[in-house]
């Protein structure tokens, strides 16, 4: 289950995490983004304690999306120690995403 947390900045959320952070850049109007929501729940549950999932609404936070060059939705960006190390554009099934992430975390 996704947990809503408040941070004073996006960078704080990334740098304060002791585990890798998968950021889901999405929009409420994006159909494939809505399909990814339950998939990300599965991924988060499967990789609990090894990976944190954060969702960023690109309509509410266009500056963050722009900073990381988000042009397609959904886009998943994996951060380690506050730095982006991997990017996935488009929808993906849970088993494939879990397999891909396990090779990186």
PDB file of N, CA and C in Angstrom:
ATOM      1  N   UNK A   1       0.834  -1.181   0.000  1.00  0.00           N
ATOM      2  CA  UNK A   1       0.000   0.000   0.000  1.00  0.00           C
ATOM      3  C   UNK A   1       0.878   1.244   0.000  1.00  0.00           C
ATOM      4  N   UNK A   2       0.497   2.224  -0.782  1.00  0.00           N
ATOM      5  CA  UNK A   2       1.240   3.482  -0.828  1.00  0.00           C
ATOM      6  C   UNK A   2       0.956   4.282   0.438  1.00  0.00           C
ATOM      7  N   UNK A   3       1.971   4.900   0.945  1.00  0.00           N
ATOM      8  CA  UNK A   3       1.843   5.720   2.142  1.00  0.00           C
ATOM      9  C   UNK A   3       2.055   7.166   1.737  1.00  0.00           C
ATOM     10  N   UNK A   4       1.136   8.037   2.131  1.00  0.00           N
ATOM     11  CA  UNK A   4       1.286   9.457   1.823  1.00  0.00           C
ATOM     12  C   UNK A   4       2.138  10.094   2.908  1.00  0.00           C
ATOM     13  N   UNK A   5       3.193  10.759   2.474  1.00  0.00           N
ATOM     14  CA  UNK A   5       4.083  11.457   3.394  1.00  0.00           C
ATOM     15  C   UNK A   5       4.286  12.865   2.866  1.00  0.00           C
ATOM     16  N   UNK A   6       4.565  13.770   3.758  1.00  0.00           N
ATOM     17  CA  UNK A   6       4.867  15.145   3.371  1.00  0.00           C
ATOM     18  C   UNK A   6       6.366  15.383   3.550  1.00  0.00           C
ATOM     19  N   UNK A   7       6.955  16.047   2.575  1.00  0.00           N
ATOM     20  CA  UNK A   7       8.364  16.413   2.642  1.00  0.00           C
ATOM     21  C   UNK A   7       8.471  17.892   2.318  1.00  0.00           C
ATOM     22  N   UNK A   8       9.480  18.543   2.870  1.00  0.00           N
ATOM     23  CA  UNK A   8       9.642  19.957   2.547  1.00  0.00           C
ATOM     24  C   UNK A   8      10.166  20.128   1.125  1.00  0.00           C
ATOM     25  N   UNK A   9      10.796  19.075   0.588  1.00  0.00           N
ATOM     26  CA  UNK A   9      11.235  19.126  -0.808  1.00  0.00           C
ATOM     27  C   UNK A   9      11.357  17.707  -1.360  1.00  0.00           C
ATOM     28  N   UNK A  10      11.255  17.610  -2.674  1.00  0.00           N
ATOM     29  CA  UNK A  10      11.405  16.324  -3.347  1.00  0.00           C
ATOM     30  C   UNK A  10      12.803  15.771  -3.088  1.00  0.00           C
ATOM     31  N   UNK A  11      13.800  16.650  -3.143  1.00  0.00           N
ATOM     32  CA  UNK A  11      15.178  16.227  -2.917  1.00  0.00           C
ATOM     33  C   UNK A  11      15.357  15.660  -1.505  1.00  0.00           C
ATOM     34  N   UNK A  12      14.650  16.234  -0.537  1.00  0.00           N
ATOM     35  CA  UNK A  12      14.711  15.728   0.836  1.00  0.00           C
ATOM     36  C   UNK A  12      14.184  14.292   0.895  1.00  0.00           C
ATOM     37  N   UNK A  13      13.089  14.034   0.195  1.00  0.00           N
ATOM     38  CA  UNK A  13      12.516  12.689   0.174  1.00  0.00           C
ATOM     39  C   UNK A  13      13.507  11.685  -0.402  1.00  0.00           C
ATOM     40  N   UNK A  14      14.230  12.101  -1.435  1.00  0.00           N
ATOM     41  CA  UNK A  14      15.205  11.200  -2.071  1.00  0.00           C
ATOM     42  C   UNK A  14      16.447  11.016  -1.208  1.00  0.00           C
ATOM     43  N   UNK A  15      16.987  12.105  -0.695  1.00  0.00           N
ATOM     44  CA  UNK A  15      18.253  12.027   0.036  1.00  0.00           C
ATOM     45  C   UNK A  15      18.097  11.427   1.425  1.00  0.00           C
ATOM     46  N   UNK A  16      16.888  11.506   2.028  1.00  0.00           N
ATOM     47  CA  UNK A  16      16.686  10.958   3.359  1.00  0.00           C
ATOM     48  C   UNK A  16      16.358   9.474   3.350  1.00  0.00           C
ATOM     49  N   UNK A  17      16.206   8.890   2.181  1.00  0.00           N
ATOM     50  CA  UNK A  17      15.864   7.474   2.102  1.00  0.00           C
ATOM     51  C   UNK A  17      17.128   6.618   2.150  1.00  0.00           C
ATOM     52  N   UNK A  18      17.110   5.622   3.033  1.00  0.00           N
ATOM     53  CA  UNK A  18      18.264   4.712   3.147  1.00  0.00           C
ATOM     54  C   UNK A  18      18.194   3.595   2.116  1.00  0.00           C
ATOM     55  N   UNK A  19      17.068   3.493   1.407  1.00  0.00           N
ATOM     56  CA  UNK A  19      16.899   2.482   0.368  1.00  0.00           C
ATOM     57  C   UNK A  19      16.585   3.183  -0.956  1.00  0.00           C
ATOM     58  N   UNK A  20      16.759   2.500  -2.092  1.00  0.00           N
ATOM     59  CA  UNK A  20      16.432   3.115  -3.381  1.00  0.00           C
ATOM     60  C   UNK A  20      14.965   3.568  -3.426  1.00  0.00           C
ATOM     61  N   UNK A  21      14.721   4.617  -4.200  1.00  0.00           N
ATOM     62  CA  UNK A  21      13.382   5.192  -4.334  1.00  0.00           C
ATOM     63  C   UNK A  21      12.966   5.106  -5.800  1.00  0.00           C
ATOM     64  N   UNK A  22      11.807   4.487  -6.030  1.00  0.00           N
ATOM     65  CA  UNK A  22      11.224   4.439  -7.369  1.00  0.00           C
ATOM     66  C   UNK A  22      10.164   5.527  -7.440  1.00  0.00           C
ATOM     67  N   UNK A  23      10.360   6.496  -8.328  1.00  0.00           N
ATOM     68  CA  UNK A  23       9.422   7.609  -8.461  1.00  0.00           C
ATOM     69  C   UNK A  23       8.556   7.370  -9.691  1.00  0.00           C
ATOM     70  N   UNK A  24       7.248   7.351  -9.452  1.00  0.00           N
ATOM     71  CA  UNK A  24       6.266   7.203 -10.514  1.00  0.00           C
ATOM     72  C   UNK A  24       5.774   8.595 -10.895  1.00  0.00           C
ATOM     73  N   UNK A  25       6.217   9.088 -12.045  1.00  0.00           N
ATOM     74  CA  UNK A  25       5.731  10.365 -12.566  1.00  0.00           C
ATOM     75  C   UNK A  25       4.461  10.059 -13.359  1.00  0.00           C
ATOM     76  N   UNK A  26       3.336  10.637 -12.932  1.00  0.00           N
ATOM     77  CA  UNK A  26       2.037  10.304 -13.515  1.00  0.00           C
ATOM     78  C   UNK A  26       1.166  11.549 -13.608  1.00  0.00           C
ATOM     79  N   UNK A  27      -0.015  11.366 -14.220  1.00  0.00           N
ATOM     80  CA  UNK A  27      -1.053  12.401 -14.230  1.00  0.00           C
ATOM     81  C   UNK A  27      -2.389  11.694 -14.050  1.00  0.00           C
ATOM     82  N   UNK A  28      -3.329  12.363 -13.410  1.00  0.00           N
ATOM     83  CA  UNK A  28      -4.623  11.746 -13.125  1.00  0.00           C
ATOM     84  C   UNK A  28      -5.409  11.426 -14.394  1.00  0.00           C
ATOM     85  N   UNK A  29      -5.172  12.162 -15.475  1.00  0.00           N
ATOM     86  CA  UNK A  29      -5.892  11.961 -16.728  1.00  0.00           C
ATOM     87  C   UNK A  29      -5.276  10.879 -17.607  1.00  0.00           C
ATOM     88  N   UNK A  30      -4.142  10.332 -17.206  1.00  0.00           N
ATOM     89  CA  UNK A  30      -3.382   9.369 -18.022  1.00  0.00           C
ATOM     90  C   UNK A  30      -3.853   7.940 -17.756  1.00  0.00           C
ATOM     91  N   UNK A  31      -4.472   7.322 -18.764  1.00  0.00           N
ATOM     92  CA  UNK A  31      -4.978   5.953 -18.634  1.00  0.00           C
ATOM     93  C   UNK A  31      -3.907   4.937 -18.242  1.00  0.00           C
ATOM     94  N   UNK A  32      -2.774   4.870 -18.965  1.00  0.00           N
ATOM     95  CA  UNK A  32      -1.722   3.920 -18.589  1.00  0.00           C
ATOM     96  C   UNK A  32      -1.181   4.172 -17.179  1.00  0.00           C
ATOM     97  N   UNK A  33      -1.200   5.440 -16.746  1.00  0.00           N
ATOM     98  CA  UNK A  33      -0.754   5.752 -15.380  1.00  0.00           C
ATOM     99  C   UNK A  33      -1.683   5.096 -14.366  1.00  0.00           C
ATOM    100  N   UNK A  34      -2.989   5.137 -14.634  1.00  0.00           N
ATOM    101  CA  UNK A  34      -3.962   4.524 -13.741  1.00  0.00           C
ATOM    102  C   UNK A  34      -3.775   3.008 -13.706  1.00  0.00           C
ATOM    103  N   UNK A  35      -3.417   2.408 -14.844  1.00  0.00           N
ATOM    104  CA  UNK A  35      -3.153   0.966 -14.897  1.00  0.00           C
ATOM    105  C   UNK A  35      -1.927   0.603 -14.049  1.00  0.00           C
ATOM    106  N   UNK A  36      -0.964   1.518 -13.955  1.00  0.00           N
ATOM    107  CA  UNK A  36       0.269   1.240 -13.213  1.00  0.00           C
ATOM    108  C   UNK A  36       0.072   1.294 -11.703  1.00  0.00           C
ATOM    109  N   UNK A  37      -0.970   1.950 -11.235  1.00  0.00           N
ATOM    110  CA  UNK A  37      -1.161   2.119  -9.802  1.00  0.00           C
ATOM    111  C   UNK A  37      -1.214   0.782  -9.046  1.00  0.00           C
ATOM    112  N   UNK A  38      -2.070  -0.172  -9.439  1.00  0.00           N
ATOM    113  CA  UNK A  38      -2.070  -1.458  -8.725  1.00  0.00           C
ATOM    114  C   UNK A  38      -0.782  -2.260  -8.954  1.00  0.00           C
ATOM    115  N   UNK A  39      -0.157  -2.073 -10.095  1.00  0.00           N
ATOM    116  CA  UNK A  39       1.110  -2.762 -10.374  1.00  0.00           C
ATOM    117  C   UNK A  39       2.188  -2.261  -9.414  1.00  0.00           C
ATOM    118  N   UNK A  40       2.222  -0.941  -9.206  1.00  0.00           N
ATOM    119  CA  UNK A  40       3.205  -0.377  -8.278  1.00  0.00           C
ATOM    120  C   UNK A  40       2.924  -0.793  -6.836  1.00  0.00           C
ATOM    121  N   UNK A  41       1.654  -1.014  -6.505  1.00  0.00           N
ATOM    122  CA  UNK A  41       1.310  -1.539  -5.182  1.00  0.00           C
ATOM    123  C   UNK A  41       1.930  -2.925  -5.009  1.00  0.00           C
ATOM    124  N   UNK A  42       1.816  -3.767  -6.045  1.00  0.00           N
ATOM    125  CA  UNK A  42       2.393  -5.118  -6.007  1.00  0.00           C
ATOM    126  C   UNK A  42       3.914  -5.059  -5.890  1.00  0.00           C
ATOM    127  N   UNK A  43       4.525  -4.197  -6.681  1.00  0.00           N
ATOM    128  CA  UNK A  43       5.985  -4.047  -6.667  1.00  0.00           C
ATOM    129  C   UNK A  43       6.444  -3.583  -5.289  1.00  0.00           C
ATOM    130  N   UNK A  44       5.762  -2.582  -4.742  1.00  0.00           N
ATOM    131  CA  UNK A  44       6.111  -2.067  -3.421  1.00  0.00           C
ATOM    132  C   UNK A  44       5.992  -3.134  -2.347  1.00  0.00           C
ATOM    133  N   UNK A  45       4.943  -3.947  -2.432  1.00  0.00           N
ATOM    134  CA  UNK A  45       4.745  -5.017  -1.440  1.00  0.00           C
ATOM    135  C   UNK A  45       5.812  -6.093  -1.592  1.00  0.00           C
ATOM    136  N   UNK A  46       6.132  -6.459  -2.836  1.00  0.00           N
ATOM    137  CA  UNK A  46       7.120  -7.509  -3.094  1.00  0.00           C
ATOM    138  C   UNK A  46       8.531  -7.087  -2.672  1.00  0.00           C
ATOM    139  N   UNK A  47       8.839  -5.820  -2.859  1.00  0.00           N
ATOM    140  CA  UNK A  47      10.188  -5.319  -2.559  1.00  0.00           C
ATOM    141  C   UNK A  47      10.214  -4.483  -1.278  1.00  0.00           C
ATOM    142  N   UNK A  48       9.244  -4.705  -0.407  1.00  0.00           N
ATOM    143  CA  UNK A  48       9.152  -3.956   0.854  1.00  0.00           C
ATOM    144  C   UNK A  48      10.469  -4.073   1.632  1.00  0.00           C
ATOM    145  N   UNK A  49      10.927  -2.927   2.124  1.00  0.00           N
ATOM    146  CA  UNK A  49      12.181  -2.898   2.873  1.00  0.00           C
ATOM    147  C   UNK A  49      13.411  -2.758   1.998  1.00  0.00           C
ATOM    148  N   UNK A  50      13.233  -2.991   0.689  1.00  0.00           N
ATOM    149  CA  UNK A  50      14.354  -2.870  -0.256  1.00  0.00           C
ATOM    150  C   UNK A  50      14.163  -1.712  -1.219  1.00  0.00           C
ATOM    151  N   UNK A  51      12.911  -1.192  -1.292  1.00  0.00           N
ATOM    152  CA  UNK A  51      12.576  -0.152  -2.262  1.00  0.00           C
ATOM    153  C   UNK A  51      11.404   0.659  -1.728  1.00  0.00           C
ATOM    154  N   UNK A  52      11.465   1.973  -1.929  1.00  0.00           N
ATOM    155  CA  UNK A  52      10.356   2.861  -1.565  1.00  0.00           C
ATOM    156  C   UNK A  52       9.761   3.395  -2.858  1.00  0.00           C
ATOM    157  N   UNK A  53       8.438   3.431  -2.948  1.00  0.00           N
ATOM    158  CA  UNK A  53       7.753   3.958  -4.128  1.00  0.00           C
ATOM    159  C   UNK A  53       7.119   5.303  -3.776  1.00  0.00           C
ATOM    160  N   UNK A  54       7.403   6.311  -4.588  1.00  0.00           N
ATOM    161  CA  UNK A  54       6.836   7.650  -4.432  1.00  0.00           C
ATOM    162  C   UNK A  54       6.140   8.018  -5.731  1.00  0.00           C
ATOM    163  N   UNK A  55       4.949   8.605  -5.627  1.00  0.00           N
ATOM    164  CA  UNK A  55       4.210   9.052  -6.807  1.00  0.00           C
ATOM    165  C   UNK A  55       4.276  10.577  -6.888  1.00  0.00           C
ATOM    166  N   UNK A  56       4.539  11.101  -8.087  1.00  0.00           N
ATOM    167  CA  UNK A  56       4.596  12.540  -8.301  1.00  0.00           C
ATOM    168  C   UNK A  56       3.649  12.893  -9.449  1.00  0.00           C
ATOM    169  N   UNK A  57       2.618  13.678  -9.126  1.00  0.00           N
ATOM    170  CA  UNK A  57       1.657  14.143 -10.121  1.00  0.00           C
ATOM    171  C   UNK A  57       2.305  15.285 -10.908  1.00  0.00           C
ATOM    172  N   UNK A  58       2.546  15.044 -12.187  1.00  0.00           N
ATOM    173  CA  UNK A  58       3.260  16.033 -13.005  1.00  0.00           C
ATOM    174  C   UNK A  58       2.443  17.296 -13.243  1.00  0.00           C
ATOM    175  N   UNK A  59       1.122  17.218 -13.093  1.00  0.00           N
ATOM    176  CA  UNK A  59       0.295  18.424 -13.217  1.00  0.00           C
ATOM    177  C   UNK A  59       0.449  19.316 -11.988  1.00  0.00           C
ATOM    178  N   UNK A  60       0.646  18.717 -10.825  1.00  0.00           N
ATOM    179  CA  UNK A  60       0.805  19.488  -9.591  1.00  0.00           C
ATOM    180  C   UNK A  60       2.242  19.933  -9.373  1.00  0.00           C
ATOM    181  N   UNK A  61       3.196  19.168  -9.908  1.00  0.00           N
ATOM    182  CA  UNK A  61       4.622  19.473  -9.707  1.00  0.00           C
ATOM    183  C   UNK A  61       5.368  19.491 -11.043  1.00  0.00           C
ATOM    184  N   UNK A  62       5.013  20.432 -11.929  1.00  0.00           N
ATOM    185  CA  UNK A  62       5.664  20.476 -13.242  1.00  0.00           C
ATOM    186  C   UNK A  62       7.156  20.793 -13.161  1.00  0.00           C
ATOM    187  N   UNK A  63       7.572  21.497 -12.131  1.00  0.00           N
ATOM    188  CA  UNK A  63       8.995  21.830 -11.984  1.00  0.00           C
ATOM    189  C   UNK A  63       9.844  20.585 -11.762  1.00  0.00           C
ATOM    190  N   UNK A  64       9.337  19.672 -10.949  1.00  0.00           N
ATOM    191  CA  UNK A  64      10.073  18.424 -10.693  1.00  0.00           C
ATOM    192  C   UNK A  64      10.127  17.599 -11.975  1.00  0.00           C
ATOM    193  N   UNK A  65       8.988  17.497 -12.671  1.00  0.00           N
ATOM    194  CA  UNK A  65       8.949  16.739 -13.923  1.00  0.00           C
ATOM    195  C   UNK A  65       9.914  17.328 -14.941  1.00  0.00           C
ATOM    196  N   UNK A  66       9.960  18.643 -15.023  1.00  0.00           N
ATOM    197  CA  UNK A  66      10.852  19.315 -15.962  1.00  0.00           C
ATOM    198  C   UNK A  66      12.323  19.075 -15.601  1.00  0.00           C
ATOM    199  N   UNK A  67      12.628  19.145 -14.320  1.00  0.00           N
ATOM    200  CA  UNK A  67      14.017  18.944 -13.861  1.00  0.00           C
ATOM    201  C   UNK A  67      14.558  17.591 -14.295  1.00  0.00           C
ATOM    202  N   UNK A  68      13.697  16.565 -14.294  1.00  0.00           N
ATOM    203  CA  UNK A  68      14.142  15.218 -14.648  1.00  0.00           C
ATOM    204  C   UNK A  68      13.777  14.830 -16.078  1.00  0.00           C
ATOM    205  N   UNK A  69      13.358  15.815 -16.885  1.00  0.00           N
ATOM    206  CA  UNK A  69      13.128  15.594 -18.306  1.00  0.00           C
ATOM    207  C   UNK A  69      11.984  14.642 -18.602  1.00  0.00           C
ATOM    208  N   UNK A  70      10.936  14.682 -17.793  1.00  0.00           N
ATOM    209  CA  UNK A  70       9.798  13.787 -17.991  1.00  0.00           C
ATOM    210  C   UNK A  70       8.961  14.309 -19.149  1.00  0.00           C
ATOM    211  N   UNK A  71       8.852  13.502 -20.214  1.00  0.00           N
ATOM    212  CA  UNK A  71       8.084  13.910 -21.379  1.00  0.00           C
ATOM    213  C   UNK A  71       6.983  12.919 -21.712  1.00  0.00           C
ATOM    214  N   UNK A  72       7.110  11.667 -21.255  1.00  0.00           N
ATOM    215  CA  UNK A  72       6.097  10.643 -21.496  1.00  0.00           C
ATOM    216  C   UNK A  72       5.556  10.178 -20.143  1.00  0.00           C
ATOM    217  N   UNK A  73       4.299   9.779 -20.151  1.00  0.00           N
ATOM    218  CA  UNK A  73       3.688   9.271 -18.924  1.00  0.00           C
ATOM    219  C   UNK A  73       3.101   7.889 -19.178  1.00  0.00           C
ATOM    220  N   UNK A  74       3.208   7.003 -18.236  1.00  0.00           N
ATOM    221  CA  UNK A  74       3.964   7.134 -16.998  1.00  0.00           C
ATOM    222  C   UNK A  74       5.453   6.975 -17.245  1.00  0.00           C
ATOM    223  N   UNK A  75       6.251   7.604 -16.399  1.00  0.00           N
ATOM    224  CA  UNK A  75       7.696   7.405 -16.400  1.00  0.00           C
ATOM    225  C   UNK A  75       8.106   7.052 -14.979  1.00  0.00           C
ATOM    226  N   UNK A  76       8.860   5.975 -14.851  1.00  0.00           N
ATOM    227  CA  UNK A  76       9.395   5.550 -13.563  1.00  0.00           C
ATOM    228  C   UNK A  76      10.877   5.866 -13.548  1.00  0.00           C
ATOM    229  N   UNK A  77      11.337   6.521 -12.499  1.00  0.00           N
ATOM    230  CA  UNK A  77      12.758   6.831 -12.355  1.00  0.00           C
ATOM    231  C   UNK A  77      13.223   6.230 -11.039  1.00  0.00           C
ATOM    232  N   UNK A  78      14.276   5.421 -11.102  1.00  0.00           N
ATOM    233  CA  UNK A  78      14.847   4.810  -9.906  1.00  0.00           C
ATOM    234  C   UNK A  78      16.005   5.670  -9.418  1.00  0.00           C
ATOM    235  N   UNK A  79      15.937   6.067  -8.150  1.00  0.00           N
ATOM    236  CA  UNK A  79      16.983   6.880  -7.538  1.00  0.00           C
ATOM    237  C   UNK A  79      17.705   6.062  -6.480  1.00  0.00           C
ATOM    238  N   UNK A  80      19.028   6.187  -6.463  1.00  0.00           N
ATOM    239  CA  UNK A  80      19.860   5.618  -5.403  1.00  0.00           C
ATOM    240  C   UNK A  80      20.700   6.745  -4.843  1.00  0.00           C
ATOM    241  N   UNK A  81      20.661   6.912  -3.525  1.00  0.00           N
ATOM    242  CA  UNK A  81      21.412   7.977  -2.855  1.00  0.00           C
ATOM    243  C   UNK A  81      21.122   9.338  -3.479  1.00  0.00           C
ATOM    244  N   UNK A  82      19.861   9.551  -3.851  1.00  0.00           N
ATOM    245  CA  UNK A  82      19.428  10.833  -4.382  1.00  0.00           C
ATOM    246  C   UNK A  82      19.710  11.063  -5.857  1.00  0.00           C
ATOM    247  N   UNK A  83      20.333  10.080  -6.526  1.00  0.00           N
ATOM    248  CA  UNK A  83      20.689  10.242  -7.937  1.00  0.00           C
ATOM    249  C   UNK A  83      19.896   9.286  -8.819  1.00  0.00           C
ATOM    250  N   UNK A  84      19.412   9.764  -9.979  1.00  0.00           N
ATOM    251  CA  UNK A  84      18.680   8.862 -10.882  1.00  0.00           C
ATOM    252  C   UNK A  84      19.644   7.853 -11.512  1.00  0.00           C
ATOM    253  N   UNK A  85      19.267   6.567 -11.457  1.00  0.00           N
ATOM    254  CA  UNK A  85      20.136   5.541 -12.040  1.00  0.00           C
ATOM    255  C   UNK A  85      19.445   4.733 -13.135  1.00  0.00           C
ATOM    256  N   UNK A  86      18.110   4.859 -13.226  1.00  0.00           N
ATOM    257  CA  UNK A  86      17.391   4.103 -14.254  1.00  0.00           C
ATOM    258  C   UNK A  86      16.071   4.795 -14.545  1.00  0.00           C
ATOM    259  N   UNK A  87      15.574   4.605 -15.769  1.00  0.00           N
ATOM    260  CA  UNK A  87      14.320   5.233 -16.207  1.00  0.00           C
ATOM    261  C   UNK A  87      13.555   4.242 -17.081  1.00  0.00           C
ATOM    262  N   UNK A  88      12.255   4.145 -16.806  1.00  0.00           N
ATOM    263  CA  UNK A  88      11.371   3.290 -17.599  1.00  0.00           C
ATOM    264  C   UNK A  88      10.195   4.149 -18.037  1.00  0.00           C
ATOM    265  N   UNK A  89       9.943   4.212 -19.345  1.00  0.00           N
ATOM    266  CA  UNK A  89       8.804   4.967 -19.857  1.00  0.00           C
ATOM    267  C   UNK A  89       7.736   3.990 -20.325  1.00  0.00           C
ATOM    268  N   UNK A  90       6.491   4.271 -19.954  1.00  0.00           N
ATOM    269  CA  UNK A  90       5.378   3.424 -20.357  1.00  0.00           C
ATOM    270  C   UNK A  90       5.025   2.395 -19.296  1.00  0.00           C
ATOM    271  N   UNK A  91       3.914   1.716 -19.544  1.00  0.00           N
ATOM    272  CA  UNK A  91       3.412   0.721 -18.596  1.00  0.00           C
ATOM    273  C   UNK A  91       4.200  -0.582 -18.721  1.00  0.00           C
ATOM    274  N   UNK A  92       4.252  -1.306 -17.611  1.00  0.00           N
ATOM    275  CA  UNK A  92       4.962  -2.584 -17.561  1.00  0.00           C
ATOM    276  C   UNK A  92       4.242  -3.470 -16.549  1.00  0.00           C
ATOM    277  N   UNK A  93       4.211  -4.759 -16.791  1.00  0.00           N
ATOM    278  CA  UNK A  93       3.577  -5.692 -15.858  1.00  0.00           C
ATOM    279  C   UNK A  93       4.443  -5.878 -14.619  1.00  0.00           C
ATOM    280  N   UNK A  94       3.818  -6.217 -13.504  1.00  0.00           N
ATOM    281  CA  UNK A  94       4.513  -6.343 -12.224  1.00  0.00           C
ATOM    282  C   UNK A  94       5.690  -7.325 -12.259  1.00  0.00           C
ATOM    283  N   UNK A  95       5.532  -8.553 -12.798  1.00  0.00           N
ATOM    284  CA  UNK A  95       6.674  -9.483 -12.771  1.00  0.00           C
ATOM    285  C   UNK A  95       7.906  -8.948 -13.509  1.00  0.00           C
ATOM    286  N   UNK A  96       7.688  -8.328 -14.667  1.00  0.00           N
ATOM    287  CA  UNK A  96       8.808  -7.769 -15.436  1.00  0.00           C
ATOM    288  C   UNK A  96       9.448  -6.602 -14.690  1.00  0.00           C
ATOM    289  N   UNK A  97       8.635  -5.751 -14.082  1.00  0.00           N
ATOM    290  CA  UNK A  97       9.162  -4.603 -13.357  1.00  0.00           C
ATOM    291  C   UNK A  97       9.946  -5.058 -12.125  1.00  0.00           C
ATOM    292  N   UNK A  98       9.410  -6.026 -11.391  1.00  0.00           N
ATOM    293  CA  UNK A  98      10.108  -6.555 -10.214  1.00  0.00           C
ATOM    294  C   UNK A  98      11.448  -7.152 -10.626  1.00  0.00           C
ATOM    295  N   UNK A  99      11.452  -7.955 -11.689  1.00  0.00           N
ATOM    296  CA  UNK A  99      12.693  -8.569 -12.165  1.00  0.00           C
ATOM    297  C   UNK A  99      13.717  -7.495 -12.536  1.00  0.00           C
ATOM    298  N   UNK A 100      13.270  -6.488 -13.275  1.00  0.00           N
ATOM    299  CA  UNK A 100      14.162  -5.399 -13.698  1.00  0.00           C
ATOM    300  C   UNK A 100      14.738  -4.662 -12.495  1.00  0.00           C
ATOM    301  N   UNK A 101      13.886  -4.329 -11.540  1.00  0.00           N
ATOM    302  CA  UNK A 101      14.338  -3.568 -10.372  1.00  0.00           C
ATOM    303  C   UNK A 101      15.281  -4.372  -9.488  1.00  0.00           C
ATOM    304  N   UNK A 102      15.039  -5.672  -9.356  1.00  0.00           N
ATOM    305  CA  UNK A 102      15.902  -6.503  -8.514  1.00  0.00           C
ATOM    306  C   UNK A 102      17.345  -6.513  -9.008  1.00  0.00           C
ATOM    307  N   UNK A 103      17.546  -6.316 -10.296  1.00  0.00           N
ATOM    308  CA  UNK A 103      18.904  -6.291 -10.838  1.00  0.00           C
ATOM    309  C   UNK A 103      19.612  -4.976 -10.482  1.00  0.00           C
ATOM    310  N   UNK A 104      18.837  -3.965 -10.069  1.00  0.00           N
ATOM    311  CA  UNK A 104      19.409  -2.624  -9.818  1.00  0.00           C
ATOM    312  C   UNK A 104      19.495  -2.258  -8.343  1.00  0.00           C
ATOM    313  N   UNK A 105      18.672  -2.886  -7.510  1.00  0.00           N
ATOM    314  CA  UNK A 105      18.674  -2.517  -6.091  1.00  0.00           C
ATOM    315  C   UNK A 105      19.470  -3.537  -5.342  1.00  0.00           C
TER     316      UNK A 105
END
